[in-house]
C-alpha cells in the first residue's frame, strides 16, 4: 500500500482489479474543503486514459512492475516487435500498449523499457528525450524574422514539430516527445 503523498509519474496503481499508470498528477488546495490529488491515469490493459481524484492522504494499492530493456525492430500493421536486450527474443506488442503519443517518435533501434508483470508485457515506454533525424523541412531564409523564429519539420518517424530556422534536412535533433518540443541540434 502507498499513500497519495507518494504519487509520482510512472507509478502503477491497482484500482478495481485493473492496472493504471500515473501520467500526470497535481495537488489541489481548494478555498473550501480538504485538499485532493487530481490525476490522469492510463489503463494498462486498454490503453485508454481517465481522470480521477484522490483525497489527500488516501491509501492506494501500488503495483511493482519489472522493467526490461527492449529495442524496437519493426512493425506489421498494429503490432510492433521489440527485441529483448538479454534474451534476443522478439516480443510482439499491440499499438494500444505503446500509445499514439509514443509511437510517433518510434524509429528502428530505439531503446525502450517494457513494463512486465508475471512475464507478460503491460506497456512499453519510449524515452522522453529522443534523438531523431529531420527528413523534411523548408529552408530557413535569413531576415524572415527579427527574433528567433521557427518552422515546421518532419522527422524520421513521421512526426511534425516546430524547429528553429537554422535546422536543415539531414540534421539529427533532440526532441522532448512528451511536449513535442525541439531541444537542440545533435549533429548536422
C-alpha atoms as a PDB file:
ATOM      1  CA  UNK A   1       0.000   0.000   0.000  1.00  0.00           C
ATOM      2  CA  UNK A   2       1.079   3.539  -0.694  1.00  0.00           C
ATOM      3  CA  UNK A   3      -0.204   6.983   0.153  1.00  0.00           C
ATOM      4  CA  UNK A   4      -1.237   9.758  -2.260  1.00  0.00           C
ATOM      5  CA  UNK A   5       1.777  11.747  -0.992  1.00  0.00           C
ATOM      6  CA  UNK A   6       3.948   9.078  -2.689  1.00  0.00           C
ATOM      7  CA  UNK A   7       2.454   9.734  -6.159  1.00  0.00           C
ATOM      8  CA  UNK A   8       4.932  10.211  -8.995  1.00  0.00           C
ATOM      9  CA  UNK A   9       4.695   9.995 -12.786  1.00  0.00           C
ATOM     10  CA  UNK A  10       5.062   6.421 -13.998  1.00  0.00           C
ATOM     11  CA  UNK A  11       3.790   4.865 -10.756  1.00  0.00           C
ATOM     12  CA  UNK A  12       1.391   1.935 -11.307  1.00  0.00           C
ATOM     13  CA  UNK A  13      -1.769   1.535  -9.199  1.00  0.00           C
ATOM     14  CA  UNK A  14      -4.323  -1.244  -8.935  1.00  0.00           C
ATOM     15  CA  UNK A  15      -7.845   0.220  -8.890  1.00  0.00           C
ATOM     16  CA  UNK A  16     -10.881  -2.087  -9.013  1.00  0.00           C
ATOM     17  CA  UNK A  17      -8.755  -5.030 -10.266  1.00  0.00           C
ATOM     18  CA  UNK A  18      -7.320  -3.011 -13.172  1.00  0.00           C
ATOM     19  CA  UNK A  19      -3.814  -1.556 -13.537  1.00  0.00           C
ATOM     20  CA  UNK A  20      -3.354   2.170 -14.142  1.00  0.00           C
ATOM     21  CA  UNK A  21      -0.166   4.155 -14.676  1.00  0.00           C
ATOM     22  CA  UNK A  22       0.012   7.743 -13.435  1.00  0.00           C
ATOM     23  CA  UNK A  23       0.694  10.032 -16.394  1.00  0.00           C
ATOM     24  CA  UNK A  24       0.229  13.314 -14.538  1.00  0.00           C
ATOM     25  CA  UNK A  25      -0.839  14.433 -11.074  1.00  0.00           C
ATOM     26  CA  UNK A  26      -1.439  17.701  -9.264  1.00  0.00           C
ATOM     27  CA  UNK A  27      -2.195  18.531  -5.641  1.00  0.00           C
ATOM     28  CA  UNK A  28      -5.147  20.923  -5.363  1.00  0.00           C
ATOM     29  CA  UNK A  29      -5.932  23.124  -2.342  1.00  0.00           C
ATOM     30  CA  UNK A  30      -9.433  24.490  -2.881  1.00  0.00           C
ATOM     31  CA  UNK A  31     -10.609  27.552  -0.949  1.00  0.00           C
ATOM     32  CA  UNK A  32     -13.123  25.424   0.916  1.00  0.00           C
ATOM     33  CA  UNK A  33     -12.845  21.786   1.827  1.00  0.00           C
ATOM     34  CA  UNK A  34      -9.918  19.369   2.065  1.00  0.00           C
ATOM     35  CA  UNK A  35      -7.028  19.115  -0.390  1.00  0.00           C
ATOM     36  CA  UNK A  36      -7.130  16.431  -3.069  1.00  0.00           C
ATOM     37  CA  UNK A  37      -4.910  14.948  -5.762  1.00  0.00           C
ATOM     38  CA  UNK A  38      -6.061  15.288  -9.379  1.00  0.00           C
ATOM     39  CA  UNK A  39      -4.576  12.569 -11.638  1.00  0.00           C
ATOM     40  CA  UNK A  40      -4.526  11.474 -15.246  1.00  0.00           C
ATOM     41  CA  UNK A  41      -4.231   7.684 -15.423  1.00  0.00           C
ATOM     42  CA  UNK A  42      -3.530   5.305 -18.320  1.00  0.00           C
ATOM     43  CA  UNK A  43      -5.276   1.932 -18.211  1.00  0.00           C
ATOM     44  CA  UNK A  44      -2.511  -0.587 -18.967  1.00  0.00           C
ATOM     45  CA  UNK A  45      -4.972  -3.141 -20.400  1.00  0.00           C
ATOM     46  CA  UNK A  46      -6.999  -0.963 -22.777  1.00  0.00           C
ATOM     47  CA  UNK A  47      -4.562   1.931 -23.298  1.00  0.00           C
ATOM     48  CA  UNK A  48      -7.306   4.490 -22.551  1.00  0.00           C
ATOM     49  CA  UNK A  49      -6.833   7.413 -20.179  1.00  0.00           C
ATOM     50  CA  UNK A  50      -9.072   8.544 -17.330  1.00  0.00           C
ATOM     51  CA  UNK A  51      -9.016  11.394 -14.843  1.00  0.00           C
ATOM     52  CA  UNK A  52      -9.522  10.556 -11.178  1.00  0.00           C
ATOM     53  CA  UNK A  53      -9.438  12.451  -7.897  1.00  0.00           C
ATOM     54  CA  UNK A  54      -7.987  11.056  -4.670  1.00  0.00           C
ATOM     55  CA  UNK A  55      -8.406  12.532  -1.197  1.00  0.00           C
ATOM     56  CA  UNK A  56      -5.122  13.822   0.200  1.00  0.00           C
ATOM     57  CA  UNK A  57      -3.595  11.068   2.348  1.00  0.00           C
ATOM     58  CA  UNK A  58      -5.793   8.314   0.858  1.00  0.00           C
ATOM     59  CA  UNK A  59      -4.228   4.832   0.707  1.00  0.00           C
ATOM     60  CA  UNK A  60      -3.811   3.236  -2.717  1.00  0.00           C
ATOM     61  CA  UNK A  61      -2.567  -0.156  -3.876  1.00  0.00           C
ATOM     62  CA  UNK A  62       0.793   0.329  -5.627  1.00  0.00           C
ATOM     63  CA  UNK A  63       1.917  -2.408  -8.018  1.00  0.00           C
ATOM     64  CA  UNK A  64       5.576  -3.128  -8.658  1.00  0.00           C
ATOM     65  CA  UNK A  65       6.348  -3.952 -12.267  1.00  0.00           C
ATOM     66  CA  UNK A  66       9.574  -5.348 -13.654  1.00  0.00           C
ATOM     67  CA  UNK A  67      11.295  -3.164 -16.246  1.00  0.00           C
ATOM     68  CA  UNK A  68      13.067  -4.876 -19.144  1.00  0.00           C
ATOM     69  CA  UNK A  69      15.303  -3.207 -21.707  1.00  0.00           C
ATOM     70  CA  UNK A  70      13.966  -3.745 -25.221  1.00  0.00           C
ATOM     71  CA  UNK A  71      14.860  -2.369 -28.644  1.00  0.00           C
ATOM     72  CA  UNK A  72      12.288  -1.528 -31.322  1.00  0.00           C
ATOM     73  CA  UNK A  73      12.820  -3.561 -34.507  1.00  0.00           C
ATOM     74  CA  UNK A  74       9.830  -3.274 -36.878  1.00  0.00           C
ATOM     75  CA  UNK A  75       6.038  -3.244 -37.130  1.00  0.00           C
ATOM     76  CA  UNK A  76       3.386  -5.148 -39.054  1.00  0.00           C
ATOM     77  CA  UNK A  77       0.051  -3.367 -39.011  1.00  0.00           C
ATOM     78  CA  UNK A  78      -0.872  -2.610 -35.379  1.00  0.00           C
ATOM     79  CA  UNK A  79       1.731  -4.997 -33.926  1.00  0.00           C
ATOM     80  CA  UNK A  80       5.179  -3.662 -33.009  1.00  0.00           C
ATOM     81  CA  UNK A  81       8.133  -6.010 -32.491  1.00  0.00           C
ATOM     82  CA  UNK A  82      10.750  -5.383 -29.830  1.00  0.00           C
ATOM     83  CA  UNK A  83      13.917  -7.371 -29.160  1.00  0.00           C
ATOM     84  CA  UNK A  84      14.653  -8.262 -25.533  1.00  0.00           C
ATOM     85  CA  UNK A  85      18.148  -6.957 -24.684  1.00  0.00           C
ATOM     86  CA  UNK A  86      19.023 -10.047 -22.585  1.00  0.00           C
ATOM     87  CA  UNK A  87      17.453 -12.979 -24.454  1.00  0.00           C
ATOM     88  CA  UNK A  88      17.356 -11.502 -28.011  1.00  0.00           C
ATOM     89  CA  UNK A  89      13.776 -12.797 -28.220  1.00  0.00           C
ATOM     90  CA  UNK A  90      11.364 -10.887 -30.490  1.00  0.00           C
ATOM     91  CA  UNK A  91       8.354  -9.683 -28.494  1.00  0.00           C
ATOM     92  CA  UNK A  92       5.125  -8.572 -30.236  1.00  0.00           C
ATOM     93  CA  UNK A  93       3.344  -5.619 -28.588  1.00  0.00           C
ATOM     94  CA  UNK A  94      -0.005  -4.144 -29.637  1.00  0.00           C
ATOM     95  CA  UNK A  95      -0.327  -0.473 -30.588  1.00  0.00           C
ATOM     96  CA  UNK A  96      -2.569   0.206 -27.541  1.00  0.00           C
ATOM     97  CA  UNK A  97       0.156  -0.886 -25.101  1.00  0.00           C
ATOM     98  CA  UNK A  98       2.552   1.684 -26.523  1.00  0.00           C
ATOM     99  CA  UNK A  99       0.281   4.689 -27.077  1.00  0.00           C
ATOM    100  CA  UNK A 100      -0.050   7.090 -30.006  1.00  0.00           C
ATOM    101  CA  UNK A 101       1.995   9.833 -28.289  1.00  0.00           C
ATOM    102  CA  UNK A 102       5.000   7.480 -28.107  1.00  0.00           C
ATOM    103  CA  UNK A 103       4.589   5.727 -31.462  1.00  0.00           C
ATOM    104  CA  UNK A 104       5.065   8.968 -33.372  1.00  0.00           C
ATOM    105  CA  UNK A 105       8.717   9.055 -32.172  1.00  0.00           C
ATOM    106  CA  UNK A 106       9.461   5.341 -32.558  1.00  0.00           C
ATOM    107  CA  UNK A 107      12.215   4.590 -35.087  1.00  0.00           C
ATOM    108  CA  UNK A 108      14.227   1.450 -35.777  1.00  0.00           C
ATOM    109  CA  UNK A 109      16.684   0.523 -32.953  1.00  0.00           C
ATOM    110  CA  UNK A 110      15.098   2.884 -30.398  1.00  0.00           C
ATOM    111  CA  UNK A 111      15.979   1.705 -26.870  1.00  0.00           C
ATOM    112  CA  UNK A 112      12.796   1.392 -24.763  1.00  0.00           C
ATOM    113  CA  UNK A 113      11.588  -0.070 -21.472  1.00  0.00           C
ATOM    114  CA  UNK A 114       8.954  -2.813 -21.266  1.00  0.00           C
ATOM    115  CA  UNK A 115       6.844  -2.949 -18.099  1.00  0.00           C
ATOM    116  CA  UNK A 116       6.099  -6.580 -17.250  1.00  0.00           C
ATOM    117  CA  UNK A 117       4.086  -8.424 -14.639  1.00  0.00           C
ATOM    118  CA  UNK A 118       4.036 -12.222 -14.368  1.00  0.00           C
ATOM    119  CA  UNK A 119       6.015 -12.462 -17.614  1.00  0.00           C
ATOM    120  CA  UNK A 120       3.550 -10.547 -19.787  1.00  0.00           C
ATOM    121  CA  UNK A 121       4.195  -7.061 -21.181  1.00  0.00           C
ATOM    122  CA  UNK A 122       1.702  -4.474 -19.958  1.00  0.00           C
ATOM    123  CA  UNK A 123       3.223  -1.373 -21.577  1.00  0.00           C
ATOM    124  CA  UNK A 124       6.261  -0.074 -23.452  1.00  0.00           C
ATOM    125  CA  UNK A 125       7.852   3.274 -22.627  1.00  0.00           C
ATOM    126  CA  UNK A 126       9.790   5.213 -25.247  1.00  0.00           C
ATOM    127  CA  UNK A 127      12.433   7.512 -23.691  1.00  0.00           C
ATOM    128  CA  UNK A 128      11.228  11.051 -23.014  1.00  0.00           C
ATOM    129  CA  UNK A 129      14.160  12.586 -24.927  1.00  0.00           C
ATOM    130  CA  UNK A 130      14.828  11.086 -28.355  1.00  0.00           C
ATOM    131  CA  UNK A 131      17.450  11.864 -30.973  1.00  0.00           C
ATOM    132  CA  UNK A 132      15.893  11.728 -34.405  1.00  0.00           C
ATOM    133  CA  UNK A 133      16.745  12.815 -37.960  1.00  0.00           C
ATOM    134  CA  UNK A 134      14.899  15.625 -39.749  1.00  0.00           C
ATOM    135  CA  UNK A 135      13.652  14.237 -43.073  1.00  0.00           C
ATOM    136  CA  UNK A 136      11.730  17.207 -44.441  1.00  0.00           C
ATOM    137  CA  UNK A 137      11.700  20.947 -43.775  1.00  0.00           C
ATOM    138  CA  UNK A 138      11.672  24.077 -45.868  1.00  0.00           C
ATOM    139  CA  UNK A 139      14.846  26.166 -45.993  1.00  0.00           C
ATOM    140  CA  UNK A 140      15.130  28.947 -43.427  1.00  0.00           C
ATOM    141  CA  UNK A 141      15.582  32.343 -45.028  1.00  0.00           C
ATOM    142  CA  UNK A 142      17.753  34.898 -43.254  1.00  0.00           C
ATOM    143  CA  UNK A 143      15.770  38.001 -42.423  1.00  0.00           C
ATOM    144  CA  UNK A 144      12.405  36.190 -42.131  1.00  0.00           C
ATOM    145  CA  UNK A 145      12.094  37.363 -38.539  1.00  0.00           C
ATOM    146  CA  UNK A 146      13.631  39.886 -36.194  1.00  0.00           C
ATOM    147  CA  UNK A 147      13.869  37.356 -33.332  1.00  0.00           C
ATOM    148  CA  UNK A 148      14.446  33.572 -33.369  1.00  0.00           C
ATOM    149  CA  UNK A 149      11.551  32.181 -35.369  1.00  0.00           C
ATOM    150  CA  UNK A 150      10.598  28.621 -36.160  1.00  0.00           C
ATOM    151  CA  UNK A 151       9.353  26.438 -38.992  1.00  0.00           C
ATOM    152  CA  UNK A 152       7.660  23.023 -39.264  1.00  0.00           C
ATOM    153  CA  UNK A 153       9.826  19.933 -39.770  1.00  0.00           C
ATOM    154  CA  UNK A 154       9.035  16.254 -40.295  1.00  0.00           C
ATOM    155  CA  UNK A 155      11.273  13.746 -38.500  1.00  0.00           C
ATOM    156  CA  UNK A 156      12.187  10.150 -39.482  1.00  0.00           C
ATOM    157  CA  UNK A 157       9.224   8.634 -37.614  1.00  0.00           C
ATOM    158  CA  UNK A 158       6.756  10.908 -39.424  1.00  0.00           C
ATOM    159  CA  UNK A 159       6.018  13.275 -36.520  1.00  0.00           C
ATOM    160  CA  UNK A 160       5.923  17.005 -37.226  1.00  0.00           C
ATOM    161  CA  UNK A 161       7.377  19.557 -34.794  1.00  0.00           C
ATOM    162  CA  UNK A 162       8.476  23.188 -34.809  1.00  0.00           C
ATOM    163  CA  UNK A 163      12.239  23.740 -35.157  1.00  0.00           C
ATOM    164  CA  UNK A 164      14.480  26.837 -35.400  1.00  0.00           C
ATOM    165  CA  UNK A 165      15.155  28.297 -38.846  1.00  0.00           C
ATOM    166  CA  UNK A 166      18.761  27.009 -38.956  1.00  0.00           C
ATOM    167  CA  UNK A 167      17.720  23.323 -38.872  1.00  0.00           C
ATOM    168  CA  UNK A 168      18.063  21.582 -42.260  1.00  0.00           C
ATOM    169  CA  UNK A 169      17.130  18.196 -43.724  1.00  0.00           C
ATOM    170  CA  UNK A 170      19.526  15.502 -42.506  1.00  0.00           C
ATOM    171  CA  UNK A 171      20.204  17.172 -39.144  1.00  0.00           C
ATOM    172  CA  UNK A 172      19.801  14.986 -36.063  1.00  0.00           C
ATOM    173  CA  UNK A 173      17.915  16.793 -33.308  1.00  0.00           C
ATOM    174  CA  UNK A 174      16.989  16.053 -29.703  1.00  0.00           C
ATOM    175  CA  UNK A 175      13.245  16.206 -29.001  1.00  0.00           C
ATOM    176  CA  UNK A 176      11.174  16.133 -25.808  1.00  0.00           C
ATOM    177  CA  UNK A 177       8.483  13.729 -27.038  1.00  0.00           C
ATOM    178  CA  UNK A 178       6.105  14.444 -24.124  1.00  0.00           C
ATOM    179  CA  UNK A 179       5.881  18.107 -25.122  1.00  0.00           C
ATOM    180  CA  UNK A 180       6.557  17.660 -28.885  1.00  0.00           C
ATOM    181  CA  UNK A 181       9.318  20.224 -28.462  1.00  0.00           C
ATOM    182  CA  UNK A 182      12.698  20.733 -30.127  1.00  0.00           C
ATOM    183  CA  UNK A 183      15.548  20.888 -27.582  1.00  0.00           C
ATOM    184  CA  UNK A 184      18.828  21.035 -29.512  1.00  0.00           C
ATOM    185  CA  UNK A 185      20.681  20.017 -32.645  1.00  0.00           C
ATOM    186  CA  UNK A 186      22.844  16.934 -32.045  1.00  0.00           C
ATOM    187  CA  UNK A 187      24.628  16.819 -35.420  1.00  0.00           C
ATOM    188  CA  UNK A 188      24.348  18.195 -38.920  1.00  0.00           C
END
